[in-house]
Amino acid sequence: MRKFVVTKTFGPVLGLVAGLVLSGLLGVAASTLGAAPAAAQNRGGTYSTQELVRTGHQFFGTVSGGLATVIEQAVSRYGQPNGYILGEEGSGAVIGGLRYGEGQINTRDRTPRKVFWQGPSIGWDFGGEGSRTMMLVYNLPSVDALFQRFGGVDGSAYFIGGFGMTALVADRIYVVPVRSGVGLRLGVNLGYLKFTPQATWNPF
């Protein structure tokens, strides 16, 4: 296993990224630092490993060779999610970067709903990337609870067979993005993702 990270470049705002990311991370630091690596407590109906792998194979298509291993790693560490997001995103970085994405969240008790995410990062990180993304969501009491900032360290991600997995947390809700795409890059960065019900260019 190797480590990798992904994040989207906006040169004119690099000066703002550092300050705003650090400010935003203060808002999620307590829940992030207090997050235990043990399996999360799930609420509502959950999804089995087999269901997630089957859905992921359909979503990622022919590039899904390492997907099962990554999902098994996520489930063994965090348990079975009670929601998941399928979507696409674009990202890049030169020290500071930005990421934008959109997709659809699925839960057992609600019809699928459109969601958007965006977020900045800072750190030793260079490159660009576009990817399909499957996000496993844990402890989600309602879809509206997703609409906040989730913090984490992208440099702690697993990289297996072309897929990467990292973990973000806020208010004991875990979001575990599983990504596959073009232009994966090496680096370590700090950042967060902000989920919103509508598209926005503001990542902060």
C-alpha atoms as a PDB file:
ATOM      1  CA  MET A   1       0.000   0.000   0.000  1.00  0.00           C
ATOM      2  CA  ARG A   2       1.149   3.529  -0.743  1.00  0.00           C
ATOM      3  CA  LYS A   3      -0.032   6.907   0.377  1.00  0.00           C
ATOM      4  CA  PHE A   4      -1.344   9.577  -1.955  1.00  0.00           C
ATOM      5  CA  VAL A   5      -3.445  12.696  -1.910  1.00  0.00           C
ATOM      6  CA  VAL A   6      -5.606  14.688  -4.266  1.00  0.00           C
ATOM      7  CA  THR A   7      -6.753  18.315  -4.164  1.00  0.00           C
ATOM      8  CA  LYS A   8      -7.782  21.848  -7.391  1.00  0.00           C
ATOM      9  CA  THR A   9      -5.464  24.744  -8.312  1.00  0.00           C
ATOM     10  CA  PHE A  10      -6.514  28.389  -8.261  1.00  0.00           C
ATOM     11  CA  GLY A  11      -3.306  30.420  -8.446  1.00  0.00           C
ATOM     12  CA  PRO A  12      -4.796  33.873  -7.630  1.00  0.00           C
ATOM     13  CA  VAL A  13      -6.163  32.673  -4.298  1.00  0.00           C
ATOM     14  CA  LEU A  14      -3.167  30.738  -2.977  1.00  0.00           C
ATOM     15  CA  GLY A  15      -2.456  33.476  -0.449  1.00  0.00           C
ATOM     16  CA  LEU A  16      -5.980  33.239   0.905  1.00  0.00           C
ATOM     17  CA  VAL A  17      -6.051  29.458   0.943  1.00  0.00           C
ATOM     18  CA  ALA A  18      -3.553  29.036   3.773  1.00  0.00           C
ATOM     19  CA  GLY A  19      -5.291  31.405   6.181  1.00  0.00           C
ATOM     20  CA  LEU A  20      -8.807  30.300   5.357  1.00  0.00           C
ATOM     21  CA  VAL A  21      -7.989  26.596   5.483  1.00  0.00           C
ATOM     22  CA  LEU A  22      -6.373  26.961   8.881  1.00  0.00           C
ATOM     23  CA  SER A  23      -9.341  28.989  10.079  1.00  0.00           C
ATOM     24  CA  GLY A  24     -11.785  26.404   8.776  1.00  0.00           C
ATOM     25  CA  LEU A  25      -9.809  23.558  10.288  1.00  0.00           C
ATOM     26  CA  LEU A  26     -10.163  25.156  13.706  1.00  0.00           C
ATOM     27  CA  GLY A  27     -13.903  24.720  13.344  1.00  0.00           C
ATOM     28  CA  VAL A  28     -13.589  20.970  12.759  1.00  0.00           C
ATOM     29  CA  ALA A  29     -10.449  20.270  14.774  1.00  0.00           C
ATOM     30  CA  ALA A  30     -12.202  19.099  17.935  1.00  0.00           C
ATOM     31  CA  SER A  31     -14.275  16.458  16.173  1.00  0.00           C
ATOM     32  CA  THR A  32     -11.423  15.411  13.877  1.00  0.00           C
ATOM     33  CA  LEU A  33      -8.823  15.004  16.604  1.00  0.00           C
ATOM     34  CA  GLY A  34     -11.322  13.232  18.811  1.00  0.00           C
ATOM     35  CA  ALA A  35     -12.298  10.747  16.123  1.00  0.00           C
ATOM     36  CA  ALA A  36     -11.387   7.197  17.056  1.00  0.00           C
ATOM     37  CA  PRO A  37     -10.190   4.826  14.321  1.00  0.00           C
ATOM     38  CA  ALA A  38     -12.444   2.084  15.649  1.00  0.00           C
ATOM     39  CA  ALA A  39     -15.600   1.148  13.722  1.00  0.00           C
ATOM     40  CA  ALA A  40     -18.200   3.895  13.768  1.00  0.00           C
ATOM     41  CA  GLN A  41     -21.635   3.359  15.281  1.00  0.00           C
ATOM     42  CA  ASN A  42     -24.127   3.248  12.404  1.00  0.00           C
ATOM     43  CA  ARG A  43     -27.638   4.662  12.464  1.00  0.00           C
ATOM     44  CA  GLY A  44     -30.481   3.435  10.296  1.00  0.00           C
ATOM     45  CA  GLY A  45     -30.199   0.789   7.582  1.00  0.00           C
ATOM     46  CA  THR A  46     -26.652   0.036   6.518  1.00  0.00           C
ATOM     47  CA  TYR A  47     -25.040  -1.277   3.332  1.00  0.00           C
ATOM     48  CA  SER A  48     -23.087  -4.523   3.229  1.00  0.00           C
ATOM     49  CA  THR A  49     -19.653  -4.933   1.703  1.00  0.00           C
ATOM     50  CA  GLN A  50     -21.158  -6.964  -1.138  1.00  0.00           C
ATOM     51  CA  GLU A  51     -23.693  -4.238  -1.962  1.00  0.00           C
ATOM     52  CA  LEU A  52     -21.021  -1.540  -1.943  1.00  0.00           C
ATOM     53  CA  VAL A  53     -18.626  -3.550  -4.119  1.00  0.00           C
ATOM     54  CA  ARG A  54     -21.385  -4.353  -6.611  1.00  0.00           C
ATOM     55  CA  THR A  55     -22.483  -0.704  -6.780  1.00  0.00           C
ATOM     56  CA  GLY A  56     -18.865   0.433  -7.078  1.00  0.00           C
ATOM     57  CA  HIS A  57     -18.126  -1.957  -9.927  1.00  0.00           C
ATOM     58  CA  GLN A  58     -21.132  -0.618 -11.832  1.00  0.00           C
ATOM     59  CA  PHE A  59     -20.100   2.978 -11.135  1.00  0.00           C
ATOM     60  CA  PHE A  60     -16.349   2.747 -11.819  1.00  0.00           C
ATOM     61  CA  GLY A  61     -16.638   0.244 -14.671  1.00  0.00           C
ATOM     62  CA  THR A  62     -13.518  -1.345 -16.135  1.00  0.00           C
ATOM     63  CA  VAL A  63     -11.125   0.498 -13.768  1.00  0.00           C
ATOM     64  CA  SER A  64     -12.603  -1.117 -10.663  1.00  0.00           C
ATOM     65  CA  GLY A  65      -9.988  -3.841 -10.152  1.00  0.00           C
ATOM     66  CA  GLY A  66      -8.780  -2.663  -6.728  1.00  0.00           C
ATOM     67  CA  LEU A  67     -12.150  -1.444  -5.494  1.00  0.00           C
ATOM     68  CA  ALA A  68     -13.130  -4.491  -3.437  1.00  0.00           C
ATOM     69  CA  THR A  69      -9.874  -4.368  -1.448  1.00  0.00           C
ATOM     70  CA  VAL A  70     -10.318  -0.682  -0.611  1.00  0.00           C
ATOM     71  CA  ILE A  71     -13.966  -1.087   0.406  1.00  0.00           C
ATOM     72  CA  GLU A  72     -13.083  -4.102   2.563  1.00  0.00           C
ATOM     73  CA  GLN A  73     -10.402  -1.998   4.240  1.00  0.00           C
ATOM     74  CA  ALA A  74     -12.936   0.770   4.928  1.00  0.00           C
ATOM     75  CA  VAL A  75     -15.560  -1.623   6.308  1.00  0.00           C
ATOM     76  CA  SER A  76     -13.038  -3.431   8.505  1.00  0.00           C
ATOM     77  CA  ARG A  77     -11.978  -0.123  10.038  1.00  0.00           C
ATOM     78  CA  TYR A  78     -15.226   1.867  10.196  1.00  0.00           C
ATOM     79  CA  GLY A  79     -18.021  -0.714   9.895  1.00  0.00           C
ATOM     80  CA  GLN A  80     -20.934  -0.673   7.459  1.00  0.00           C
ATOM     81  CA  PRO A  81     -22.043   2.772   6.235  1.00  0.00           C
ATOM     82  CA  ASN A  82     -25.649   3.941   6.342  1.00  0.00           C
ATOM     83  CA  GLY A  83     -25.212   6.075   3.232  1.00  0.00           C
ATOM     84  CA  TYR A  84     -22.999   6.548   0.204  1.00  0.00           C
ATOM     85  CA  ILE A  85     -22.355   9.212  -2.424  1.00  0.00           C
ATOM     86  CA  LEU A  86     -21.555   8.588  -6.091  1.00  0.00           C
ATOM     87  CA  GLY A  87     -20.111  11.528  -7.992  1.00  0.00           C
ATOM     88  CA  GLU A  88     -17.303  13.190  -9.915  1.00  0.00           C
ATOM     89  CA  GLU A  89     -14.785  15.848  -8.962  1.00  0.00           C
ATOM     90  CA  GLY A  90     -11.885  17.881 -10.275  1.00  0.00           C
ATOM     91  CA  SER A  91      -8.930  18.985  -8.212  1.00  0.00           C
ATOM     92  CA  GLY A  92      -5.364  20.241  -8.358  1.00  0.00           C
ATOM     93  CA  ALA A  93      -2.746  21.960  -6.263  1.00  0.00           C
ATOM     94  CA  VAL A  94       0.512  23.878  -6.188  1.00  0.00           C
ATOM     95  CA  ILE A  95       1.151  24.048  -2.414  1.00  0.00           C
ATOM     96  CA  GLY A  96      -2.415  25.373  -1.931  1.00  0.00           C
ATOM     97  CA  GLY A  97      -5.294  23.910  -3.886  1.00  0.00           C
ATOM     98  CA  LEU A  98      -9.032  23.536  -4.295  1.00  0.00           C
ATOM     99  CA  ARG A  99     -11.431  20.697  -5.018  1.00  0.00           C
ATOM    100  CA  TYR A 100     -14.943  20.761  -6.488  1.00  0.00           C
ATOM    101  CA  GLY A 101     -17.365  17.890  -6.936  1.00  0.00           C
ATOM    102  CA  GLU A 102     -20.977  16.907  -7.284  1.00  0.00           C
ATOM    103  CA  GLY A 103     -22.905  13.695  -6.906  1.00  0.00           C
ATOM    104  CA  GLN A 104     -25.889  11.959  -5.372  1.00  0.00           C
ATOM    105  CA  ILE A 105     -26.304  10.678  -1.823  1.00  0.00           C
ATOM    106  CA  ASN A 106     -28.134   7.414  -1.283  1.00  0.00           C
ATOM    107  CA  THR A 107     -29.660   6.196   1.997  1.00  0.00           C
ATOM    108  CA  ARG A 108     -32.066   3.397   2.869  1.00  0.00           C
ATOM    109  CA  ASP A 109     -34.879   5.641   4.076  1.00  0.00           C
ATOM    110  CA  ARG A 110     -34.778   8.554   1.610  1.00  0.00           C
ATOM    111  CA  THR A 111     -34.861   9.036  -2.147  1.00  0.00           C
ATOM    112  CA  PRO A 112     -31.446   9.894  -3.655  1.00  0.00           C
ATOM    113  CA  ARG A 113     -30.546  13.571  -3.339  1.00  0.00           C
ATOM    114  CA  LYS A 114     -28.116  15.808  -5.220  1.00  0.00           C
ATOM    115  CA  VAL A 115     -25.158  17.087  -3.191  1.00  0.00           C
ATOM    116  CA  PHE A 116     -22.125  19.253  -3.945  1.00  0.00           C
ATOM    117  CA  TRP A 117     -18.767  19.559  -2.217  1.00  0.00           C
ATOM    118  CA  GLN A 118     -15.823  21.899  -2.331  1.00  0.00           C
ATOM    119  CA  GLY A 119     -12.807  22.569  -0.199  1.00  0.00           C
ATOM    120  CA  PRO A 120      -9.280  23.990   0.044  1.00  0.00           C
ATOM    121  CA  SER A 121      -6.021  22.432   1.166  1.00  0.00           C
ATOM    122  CA  ILE A 122      -2.486  23.462   2.024  1.00  0.00           C
ATOM    123  CA  GLY A 123       0.681  21.390   2.216  1.00  0.00           C
ATOM    124  CA  TRP A 124       3.440  19.734   0.216  1.00  0.00           C
ATOM    125  CA  ASP A 125       1.247  18.799  -2.714  1.00  0.00           C
ATOM    126  CA  PHE A 126       1.580  19.313  -6.473  1.00  0.00           C
ATOM    127  CA  GLY A 127      -0.397  18.160  -9.514  1.00  0.00           C
ATOM    128  CA  GLY A 128      -3.873  17.824 -10.954  1.00  0.00           C
ATOM    129  CA  GLU A 129      -6.509  15.142 -11.052  1.00  0.00           C
ATOM    130  CA  GLY A 130     -10.025  14.329 -12.183  1.00  0.00           C
ATOM    131  CA  SER A 131     -11.836  11.360 -10.738  1.00  0.00           C
ATOM    132  CA  ARG A 132     -14.997   9.473 -10.067  1.00  0.00           C
ATOM    133  CA  THR A 133     -15.656   9.280  -6.356  1.00  0.00           C
ATOM    134  CA  MET A 134     -17.608   6.952  -4.098  1.00  0.00           C
ATOM    135  CA  MET A 135     -17.963   8.275  -0.558  1.00  0.00           C
ATOM    136  CA  LEU A 136     -19.029   5.979   2.258  1.00  0.00           C
ATOM    137  CA  VAL A 137     -20.971   7.845   4.968  1.00  0.00           C
ATOM    138  CA  TYR A 138     -21.283   6.684   8.587  1.00  0.00           C
ATOM    139  CA  ASN A 139     -23.508   7.749  11.500  1.00  0.00           C
ATOM    140  CA  LEU A 140     -25.596  10.016   9.289  1.00  0.00           C
ATOM    141  CA  PRO A 141     -28.781  10.913  11.243  1.00  0.00           C
ATOM    142  CA  SER A 142     -30.282  12.780   8.248  1.00  0.00           C
ATOM    143  CA  VAL A 143     -29.138  14.014   4.859  1.00  0.00           C
ATOM    144  CA  ASP A 144     -29.232  17.616   6.113  1.00  0.00           C
ATOM    145  CA  ALA A 145     -26.585  16.703   8.712  1.00  0.00           C
ATOM    146  CA  LEU A 146     -24.126  16.217   5.837  1.00  0.00           C
ATOM    147  CA  PHE A 147     -24.136  19.934   5.003  1.00  0.00           C
ATOM    148  CA  GLN A 148     -21.119  21.085   7.003  1.00  0.00           C
ATOM    149  CA  ARG A 149     -17.308  20.980   6.893  1.00  0.00           C
ATOM    150  CA  PHE A 150     -15.490  17.664   7.295  1.00  0.00           C
ATOM    151  CA  GLY A 151     -11.812  17.796   8.206  1.00  0.00           C
ATOM    152  CA  GLY A 152      -9.018  15.278   7.827  1.00  0.00           C
ATOM    153  CA  VAL A 153      -5.449  14.620   6.721  1.00  0.00           C
ATOM    154  CA  ASP A 154      -5.370  13.459   3.101  1.00  0.00           C
ATOM    155  CA  GLY A 155      -1.815  12.228   3.555  1.00  0.00           C
ATOM    156  CA  SER A 156      -3.131   9.324   5.633  1.00  0.00           C
ATOM    157  CA  ALA A 157      -4.915   7.802   2.622  1.00  0.00           C
ATOM    158  CA  TYR A 158      -4.471   4.240   1.391  1.00  0.00           C
ATOM    159  CA  PHE A 159      -3.616   3.667  -2.277  1.00  0.00           C
ATOM    160  CA  ILE A 160      -4.457   0.181  -3.577  1.00  0.00           C
ATOM    161  CA  GLY A 161      -4.731  -0.893  -7.210  1.00  0.00           C
ATOM    162  CA  GLY A 162      -5.450   2.578  -8.549  1.00  0.00           C
ATOM    163  CA  PHE A 163      -7.903   3.485  -5.779  1.00  0.00           C
ATOM    164  CA  GLY A 164      -7.333   5.820  -2.861  1.00  0.00           C
ATOM    165  CA  MET A 165      -9.185   6.002   0.453  1.00  0.00           C
ATOM    166  CA  THR A 166      -9.059   8.693   3.105  1.00  0.00           C
ATOM    167  CA  ALA A 167     -11.313   9.623   6.041  1.00  0.00           C
ATOM    168  CA  LEU A 168     -12.980  12.870   7.104  1.00  0.00           C
ATOM    169  CA  VAL A 169     -15.074  13.506  10.207  1.00  0.00           C
ATOM    170  CA  ALA A 170     -17.379  16.078  11.803  1.00  0.00           C
ATOM    171  CA  ASP A 171     -19.819  15.677  14.698  1.00  0.00           C
ATOM    172  CA  ARG A 172     -19.097  11.914  14.766  1.00  0.00           C
ATOM    173  CA  ILE A 173     -20.239  11.592  11.147  1.00  0.00           C
ATOM    174  CA  TYR A 174     -17.556   9.906   9.048  1.00  0.00           C
ATOM    175  CA  VAL A 175     -17.120  10.451   5.299  1.00  0.00           C
ATOM    176  CA  VAL A 176     -14.691   8.043   3.610  1.00  0.00           C
ATOM    177  CA  PRO A 177     -14.010   9.031  -0.036  1.00  0.00           C
ATOM    178  CA  VAL A 178     -12.856   6.229  -2.352  1.00  0.00           C
ATOM    179  CA  ARG A 179     -11.365   7.720  -5.516  1.00  0.00           C
ATOM    180  CA  SER A 180     -10.094   6.545  -8.865  1.00  0.00           C
ATOM    181  CA  GLY A 181      -8.911   8.864 -11.591  1.00  0.00           C
ATOM    182  CA  VAL A 182      -6.220  10.278 -13.817  1.00  0.00           C
ATOM    183  CA  GLY A 183      -3.191  12.176 -12.553  1.00  0.00           C
ATOM    184  CA  LEU A 184      -2.833  10.891  -9.003  1.00  0.00           C
ATOM    185  CA  ARG A 185      -0.177  12.805  -7.104  1.00  0.00           C
ATOM    186  CA  LEU A 186       1.984  12.301  -4.097  1.00  0.00           C
ATOM    187  CA  GLY A 187       2.017  14.682  -1.174  1.00  0.00           C
ATOM    188  CA  VAL A 188       0.727  15.455   2.273  1.00  0.00           C
ATOM    189  CA  ASN A 189      -1.805  18.171   2.927  1.00  0.00           C
ATOM    190  CA  LEU A 190      -4.344  19.452   5.400  1.00  0.00           C
ATOM    191  CA  GLY A 191      -7.787  20.427   4.244  1.00  0.00           C
ATOM    192  CA  TYR A 192     -11.499  19.930   4.527  1.00  0.00           C
ATOM    193  CA  LEU A 193     -14.551  19.324   2.367  1.00  0.00           C
ATOM    194  CA  LYS A 194     -17.685  21.431   2.697  1.00  0.00           C
ATOM    195  CA  PHE A 195     -20.907  19.752   1.537  1.00  0.00           C
ATOM    196  CA  THR A 196     -23.769  21.922   0.250  1.00  0.00           C
ATOM    197  CA  PRO A 197     -27.245  21.310  -1.212  1.00  0.00           C
ATOM    198  CA  GLN A 198     -26.525  23.733  -4.086  1.00  0.00           C
ATOM    199  CA  ALA A 199     -23.461  24.353  -6.233  1.00  0.00           C
ATOM    200  CA  THR A 200     -21.162  27.173  -5.114  1.00  0.00           C
ATOM    201  CA  TRP A 201     -17.755  28.505  -6.137  1.00  0.00           C
ATOM    202  CA  ASN A 202     -16.935  29.434  -2.540  1.00  0.00           C
ATOM    203  CA  PRO A 203     -14.855  26.587  -1.054  1.00  0.00           C
ATOM    204  CA  PHE A 204     -14.664  28.189   2.404  1.00  0.00           C
END
